[in-house]
Amino acid sequence: SLSYLPLVFCEPIFTRVVLKLLSR
């Protein structure tokens, strides 16, 4: 369970970058 904590912190950054790129 604790191993997923880094994903909760890192994945929003990845998601935000993807959405910004697709929006452009």
PDB file of all heavy atoms in Angstrom:
ATOM      1  N   SER A   1       0.827  -1.209   0.000  1.00  0.00           N
ATOM      2  CA  SER A   1       0.000   0.000   0.000  1.00  0.00           C
ATOM      3  C   SER A   1       0.860   1.256   0.000  1.00  0.00           C
ATOM      4  O   SER A   1       0.605   2.209  -0.744  1.00  0.00           O
ATOM      5  CB  SER A   1      -0.931  -0.001   1.219  1.00  0.00           C
ATOM      6  OG  SER A   1      -1.768  -1.143   1.218  1.00  0.00           O
ATOM      7  N   LEU A   2       1.880   1.286   0.853  1.00  0.00           N
ATOM      8  CA  LEU A   2       2.749   2.456   0.949  1.00  0.00           C
ATOM      9  C   LEU A   2       3.544   2.684  -0.326  1.00  0.00           C
ATOM     10  O   LEU A   2       3.924   3.817  -0.635  1.00  0.00           O
ATOM     11  CB  LEU A   2       3.700   2.308   2.144  1.00  0.00           C
ATOM     12  CG  LEU A   2       3.051   2.338   3.530  1.00  0.00           C
ATOM     13  CD1 LEU A   2       4.092   2.078   4.610  1.00  0.00           C
ATOM     14  CD2 LEU A   2       2.349   3.667   3.775  1.00  0.00           C
ATOM     15  N   SER A   3       3.776   1.618  -1.089  1.00  0.00           N
ATOM     16  CA  SER A   3       4.555   1.755  -2.319  1.00  0.00           C
ATOM     17  C   SER A   3       3.825   2.602  -3.357  1.00  0.00           C
ATOM     18  O   SER A   3       4.458   3.118  -4.298  1.00  0.00           O
ATOM     19  CB  SER A   3       4.873   0.373  -2.903  1.00  0.00           C
ATOM     20  OG  SER A   3       3.707  -0.240  -3.442  1.00  0.00           O
ATOM     21  N   TYR A   4       2.513   2.756  -3.211  1.00  0.00           N
ATOM     22  CA  TYR A   4       1.749   3.544  -4.170  1.00  0.00           C
ATOM     23  C   TYR A   4       1.767   5.044  -3.858  1.00  0.00           C
ATOM     24  O   TYR A   4       1.327   5.852  -4.682  1.00  0.00           O
ATOM     25  CB  TYR A   4       0.297   3.049  -4.246  1.00  0.00           C
ATOM     26  CG  TYR A   4       0.087   2.049  -5.353  1.00  0.00           C
ATOM     27  CD1 TYR A   4       0.116   0.679  -5.108  1.00  0.00           C
ATOM     28  CD2 TYR A   4      -0.109   2.467  -6.667  1.00  0.00           C
ATOM     29  CE1 TYR A   4      -0.061  -0.246  -6.125  1.00  0.00           C
ATOM     30  CE2 TYR A   4      -0.285   1.555  -7.686  1.00  0.00           C
ATOM     31  CZ  TYR A   4      -0.259   0.199  -7.416  1.00  0.00           C
ATOM     32  OH  TYR A   4      -0.420  -0.705  -8.429  1.00  0.00           O
ATOM     33  N   LEU A   5       2.278   5.420  -2.694  1.00  0.00           N
ATOM     34  CA  LEU A   5       2.320   6.842  -2.346  1.00  0.00           C
ATOM     35  C   LEU A   5       3.106   7.681  -3.351  1.00  0.00           C
ATOM     36  O   LEU A   5       2.665   8.780  -3.718  1.00  0.00           O
ATOM     37  CB  LEU A   5       2.894   7.020  -0.938  1.00  0.00           C
ATOM     38  CG  LEU A   5       1.952   6.664   0.218  1.00  0.00           C
ATOM     39  CD1 LEU A   5       2.678   6.827   1.552  1.00  0.00           C
ATOM     40  CD2 LEU A   5       0.700   7.535   0.184  1.00  0.00           C
ATOM     41  N   PRO A   6       4.278   7.220  -3.815  1.00  0.00           N
ATOM     42  CA  PRO A   6       4.991   8.029  -4.818  1.00  0.00           C
ATOM     43  C   PRO A   6       4.171   8.275  -6.081  1.00  0.00           C
ATOM     44  O   PRO A   6       4.280   9.350  -6.693  1.00  0.00           O
ATOM     45  CB  PRO A   6       6.245   7.183  -5.124  1.00  0.00           C
ATOM     46  CG  PRO A   6       6.457   6.381  -3.893  1.00  0.00           C
ATOM     47  CD  PRO A   6       5.078   6.063  -3.393  1.00  0.00           C
ATOM     48  N   LEU A   7       3.342   7.296  -6.466  1.00  0.00           N
ATOM     49  CA  LEU A   7       2.508   7.495  -7.652  1.00  0.00           C
ATOM     50  C   LEU A   7       1.475   8.582  -7.425  1.00  0.00           C
ATOM     51  O   LEU A   7       1.187   9.382  -8.315  1.00  0.00           O
ATOM     52  CB  LEU A   7       1.808   6.191  -8.034  1.00  0.00           C
ATOM     53  CG  LEU A   7       2.669   5.110  -8.689  1.00  0.00           C
ATOM     54  CD1 LEU A   7       1.802   3.932  -9.096  1.00  0.00           C
ATOM     55  CD2 LEU A   7       3.423   5.652  -9.883  1.00  0.00           C
ATOM     56  N   VAL A   8       0.909   8.614  -6.223  1.00  0.00           N
ATOM     57  CA  VAL A   8      -0.096   9.630  -5.907  1.00  0.00           C
ATOM     58  C   VAL A   8       0.522  11.024  -5.983  1.00  0.00           C
ATOM     59  O   VAL A   8      -0.153  11.999  -6.333  1.00  0.00           O
ATOM     60  CB  VAL A   8      -0.710   9.376  -4.517  1.00  0.00           C
ATOM     61  CG1 VAL A   8      -1.680  10.481  -4.138  1.00  0.00           C
ATOM     62  CG2 VAL A   8      -1.422   8.028  -4.494  1.00  0.00           C
ATOM     63  N   PHE A   9       1.805  11.126  -5.695  1.00  0.00           N
ATOM     64  CA  PHE A   9       2.491  12.418  -5.759  1.00  0.00           C
ATOM     65  C   PHE A   9       2.976  12.749  -7.173  1.00  0.00           C
ATOM     66  O   PHE A   9       2.937  13.908  -7.590  1.00  0.00           O
ATOM     67  CB  PHE A   9       3.692  12.431  -4.807  1.00  0.00           C
ATOM     68  CG  PHE A   9       3.307  12.430  -3.354  1.00  0.00           C
ATOM     69  CD1 PHE A   9       3.664  11.370  -2.531  1.00  0.00           C
ATOM     70  CD2 PHE A   9       2.566  13.459  -2.798  1.00  0.00           C
ATOM     71  CE1 PHE A   9       3.304  11.344  -1.198  1.00  0.00           C
ATOM     72  CE2 PHE A   9       2.194  13.449  -1.463  1.00  0.00           C
ATOM     73  CZ  PHE A   9       2.566  12.390  -0.659  1.00  0.00           C
ATOM     74  N   CYS A  10       3.426  11.733  -7.900  1.00  0.00           N
ATOM     75  CA  CYS A  10       4.047  11.969  -9.208  1.00  0.00           C
ATOM     76  C   CYS A  10       3.052  11.958 -10.367  1.00  0.00           C
ATOM     77  O   CYS A  10       3.208  12.719 -11.331  1.00  0.00           O
ATOM     78  CB  CYS A  10       5.126  10.917  -9.466  1.00  0.00           C
ATOM     79  SG  CYS A  10       6.518  10.989  -8.329  1.00  0.00           S
ATOM     80  N   GLU A  11       2.046  11.113 -10.289  1.00  0.00           N
ATOM     81  CA  GLU A  11       1.146  10.962 -11.428  1.00  0.00           C
ATOM     82  C   GLU A  11       0.370  12.232 -11.761  1.00  0.00           C
ATOM     83  O   GLU A  11       0.169  12.515 -12.955  1.00  0.00           O
ATOM     84  CB  GLU A  11       0.184   9.795 -11.200  1.00  0.00           C
ATOM     85  CG  GLU A  11      -0.621   9.472 -12.453  1.00  0.00           C
ATOM     86  CD  GLU A  11      -1.357   8.142 -12.358  1.00  0.00           C
ATOM     87  OE1 GLU A  11      -0.697   7.116 -12.135  1.00  0.00           O
ATOM     88  OE2 GLU A  11      -2.588   8.159 -12.514  1.00  0.00           O
ATOM     89  N   PRO A  12      -0.081  13.031 -10.779  1.00  0.00           N
ATOM     90  CA  PRO A  12      -0.765  14.276 -11.156  1.00  0.00           C
ATOM     91  C   PRO A  12       0.095  15.199 -12.013  1.00  0.00           C
ATOM     92  O   PRO A  12      -0.428  15.884 -12.897  1.00  0.00           O
ATOM     93  CB  PRO A  12      -1.097  14.911  -9.802  1.00  0.00           C
ATOM     94  CG  PRO A  12      -1.221  13.753  -8.874  1.00  0.00           C
ATOM     95  CD  PRO A  12      -0.165  12.787  -9.335  1.00  0.00           C
ATOM     96  N   ILE A  13       1.402  15.210 -11.767  1.00  0.00           N
ATOM     97  CA  ILE A  13       2.294  16.035 -12.581  1.00  0.00           C
ATOM     98  C   ILE A  13       2.304  15.522 -14.012  1.00  0.00           C
ATOM     99  O   ILE A  13       2.179  16.300 -14.973  1.00  0.00           O
ATOM    100  CB  ILE A  13       3.723  16.021 -11.994  1.00  0.00           C
ATOM    101  CG1 ILE A  13       3.726  16.596 -10.579  1.00  0.00           C
ATOM    102  CG2 ILE A  13       4.684  16.798 -12.899  1.00  0.00           C
ATOM    103  CD1 ILE A  13       5.056  16.483  -9.867  1.00  0.00           C
ATOM    104  N   PHE A  14       2.435  14.218 -14.161  1.00  0.00           N
ATOM    105  CA  PHE A  14       2.407  13.603 -15.487  1.00  0.00           C
ATOM    106  C   PHE A  14       1.080  13.890 -16.183  1.00  0.00           C
ATOM    107  O   PHE A  14       1.055  14.264 -17.375  1.00  0.00           O
ATOM    108  CB  PHE A  14       2.627  12.095 -15.354  1.00  0.00           C
ATOM    109  CG  PHE A  14       2.487  11.338 -16.640  1.00  0.00           C
ATOM    110  CD1 PHE A  14       3.511  11.340 -17.581  1.00  0.00           C
ATOM    111  CD2 PHE A  14       1.330  10.623 -16.917  1.00  0.00           C
ATOM    112  CE1 PHE A  14       3.379  10.640 -18.773  1.00  0.00           C
ATOM    113  CE2 PHE A  14       1.193   9.917 -18.106  1.00  0.00           C
ATOM    114  CZ  PHE A  14       2.225   9.929 -19.037  1.00  0.00           C
ATOM    115  N   THR A  15      -0.012  13.737 -15.458  1.00  0.00           N
ATOM    116  CA  THR A  15      -1.339  13.964 -16.029  1.00  0.00           C
ATOM    117  C   THR A  15      -1.504  15.408 -16.487  1.00  0.00           C
ATOM    118  O   THR A  15      -2.016  15.678 -17.586  1.00  0.00           O
ATOM    119  CB  THR A  15      -2.430  13.628 -15.002  1.00  0.00           C
ATOM    120  OG1 THR A  15      -2.324  12.251 -14.642  1.00  0.00           O
ATOM    121  CG2 THR A  15      -3.821  13.894 -15.563  1.00  0.00           C
ATOM    122  N   ARG A  16      -1.058  16.323 -15.660  1.00  0.00           N
ATOM    123  CA  ARG A  16      -1.184  17.741 -15.995  1.00  0.00           C
ATOM    124  C   ARG A  16      -0.400  18.080 -17.269  1.00  0.00           C
ATOM    125  O   ARG A  16      -0.885  18.812 -18.136  1.00  0.00           O
ATOM    126  CB  ARG A  16      -0.669  18.584 -14.828  1.00  0.00           C
ATOM    127  CG  ARG A  16      -0.896  20.075 -14.964  1.00  0.00           C
ATOM    128  CD  ARG A  16      -2.334  20.444 -14.750  1.00  0.00           C
ATOM    129  NE  ARG A  16      -2.501  21.897 -14.798  1.00  0.00           N
ATOM    130  CZ  ARG A  16      -3.655  22.525 -14.651  1.00  0.00           C
ATOM    131  NH1 ARG A  16      -4.752  21.820 -14.422  1.00  0.00           N
ATOM    132  NH2 ARG A  16      -3.730  23.834 -14.713  1.00  0.00           N
ATOM    133  N   VAL A  17       0.796  17.536 -17.393  1.00  0.00           N
ATOM    134  CA  VAL A  17       1.622  17.775 -18.579  1.00  0.00           C
ATOM    135  C   VAL A  17       0.932  17.210 -19.824  1.00  0.00           C
ATOM    136  O   VAL A  17       0.879  17.861 -20.871  1.00  0.00           O
ATOM    137  CB  VAL A  17       3.017  17.147 -18.403  1.00  0.00           C
ATOM    138  CG1 VAL A  17       3.790  17.179 -19.717  1.00  0.00           C
ATOM    139  CG2 VAL A  17       3.799  17.878 -17.318  1.00  0.00           C
ATOM    140  N   VAL A  18       0.394  15.997 -19.709  1.00  0.00           N
ATOM    141  CA  VAL A  18      -0.303  15.366 -20.837  1.00  0.00           C
ATOM    142  C   VAL A  18      -1.504  16.199 -21.263  1.00  0.00           C
ATOM    143  O   VAL A  18      -1.718  16.440 -22.463  1.00  0.00           O
ATOM    144  CB  VAL A  18      -0.748  13.938 -20.467  1.00  0.00           C
ATOM    145  CG1 VAL A  18      -1.701  13.377 -21.519  1.00  0.00           C
ATOM    146  CG2 VAL A  18       0.455  13.026 -20.321  1.00  0.00           C
ATOM    147  N   LEU A  19      -2.296  16.647 -20.308  1.00  0.00           N
ATOM    148  CA  LEU A  19      -3.492  17.429 -20.632  1.00  0.00           C
ATOM    149  C   LEU A  19      -3.138  18.768 -21.260  1.00  0.00           C
ATOM    150  O   LEU A  19      -3.813  19.218 -22.196  1.00  0.00           O
ATOM    151  CB  LEU A  19      -4.330  17.641 -19.366  1.00  0.00           C
ATOM    152  CG  LEU A  19      -4.943  16.383 -18.744  1.00  0.00           C
ATOM    153  CD1 LEU A  19      -5.776  16.750 -17.514  1.00  0.00           C
ATOM    154  CD2 LEU A  19      -5.792  15.629 -19.743  1.00  0.00           C
ATOM    155  N   LYS A  20      -2.107  19.414 -20.756  1.00  0.00           N
ATOM    156  CA  LYS A  20      -1.670  20.683 -21.333  1.00  0.00           C
ATOM    157  C   LYS A  20      -1.218  20.492 -22.781  1.00  0.00           C
ATOM    158  O   LYS A  20      -1.556  21.290 -23.674  1.00  0.00           O
ATOM    159  CB  LYS A  20      -0.527  21.262 -20.498  1.00  0.00           C
ATOM    160  CG  LYS A  20      -0.952  21.939 -19.208  1.00  0.00           C
ATOM    161  CD  LYS A  20      -1.621  23.280 -19.492  1.00  0.00           C
ATOM    162  CE  LYS A  20      -1.870  24.050 -18.208  1.00  0.00           C
ATOM    163  NZ  LYS A  20      -2.538  25.357 -18.474  1.00  0.00           N
ATOM    164  N   LEU A  21      -0.461  19.428 -23.018  1.00  0.00           N
ATOM    165  CA  LEU A  21       0.022  19.147 -24.371  1.00  0.00           C
ATOM    166  C   LEU A  21      -1.135  18.854 -25.319  1.00  0.00           C
ATOM    167  O   LEU A  21      -1.191  19.391 -26.435  1.00  0.00           O
ATOM    168  CB  LEU A  21       0.980  17.957 -24.329  1.00  0.00           C
ATOM    169  CG  LEU A  21       1.540  17.487 -25.679  1.00  0.00           C
ATOM    170  CD1 LEU A  21       2.327  18.595 -26.356  1.00  0.00           C
ATOM    171  CD2 LEU A  21       2.411  16.252 -25.489  1.00  0.00           C
ATOM    172  N   LEU A  22      -2.080  18.028 -24.876  1.00  0.00           N
ATOM    173  CA  LEU A  22      -3.232  17.699 -25.717  1.00  0.00           C
ATOM    174  C   LEU A  22      -4.105  18.921 -25.968  1.00  0.00           C
ATOM    175  O   LEU A  22      -4.670  19.073 -27.056  1.00  0.00           O
ATOM    176  CB  LEU A  22      -4.053  16.593 -25.065  1.00  0.00           C
ATOM    177  CG  LEU A  22      -3.435  15.201 -25.078  1.00  0.00           C
ATOM    178  CD1 LEU A  22      -4.287  14.232 -24.254  1.00  0.00           C
ATOM    179  CD2 LEU A  22      -3.290  14.687 -26.498  1.00  0.00           C
ATOM    180  N   SER A  23      -4.228  19.783 -24.973  1.00  0.00           N
ATOM    181  CA  SER A  23      -5.019  20.999 -25.135  1.00  0.00           C
ATOM    182  C   SER A  23      -4.435  21.889 -26.226  1.00  0.00           C
ATOM    183  O   SER A  23      -5.174  22.460 -27.049  1.00  0.00           O
ATOM    184  CB  SER A  23      -5.073  21.760 -23.804  1.00  0.00           C
ATOM    185  OG  SER A  23      -5.836  22.944 -23.937  1.00  0.00           O
ATOM    186  N   ARG A  24      -3.124  21.998 -26.269  1.00  0.00           N
ATOM    187  CA  ARG A  24      -2.475  22.797 -27.307  1.00  0.00           C
ATOM    188  C   ARG A  24      -2.614  22.135 -28.677  1.00  0.00           C
ATOM    189  O   ARG A  24      -2.879  22.798 -29.686  1.00  0.00           O
ATOM    190  CB  ARG A  24      -1.006  22.997 -26.958  1.00  0.00           C
ATOM    191  CG  ARG A  24      -0.774  23.891 -25.741  1.00  0.00           C
ATOM    192  CD  ARG A  24       0.702  24.003 -25.401  1.00  0.00           C
ATOM    193  NE  ARG A  24       0.902  24.822 -24.207  1.00  0.00           N
ATOM    194  CZ  ARG A  24       2.084  25.044 -23.639  1.00  0.00           C
ATOM    195  NH1 ARG A  24       3.174  24.514 -24.181  1.00  0.00           N
ATOM    196  NH2 ARG A  24       2.177  25.798 -22.551  1.00  0.00           N
TER     197      ARG A  24
END
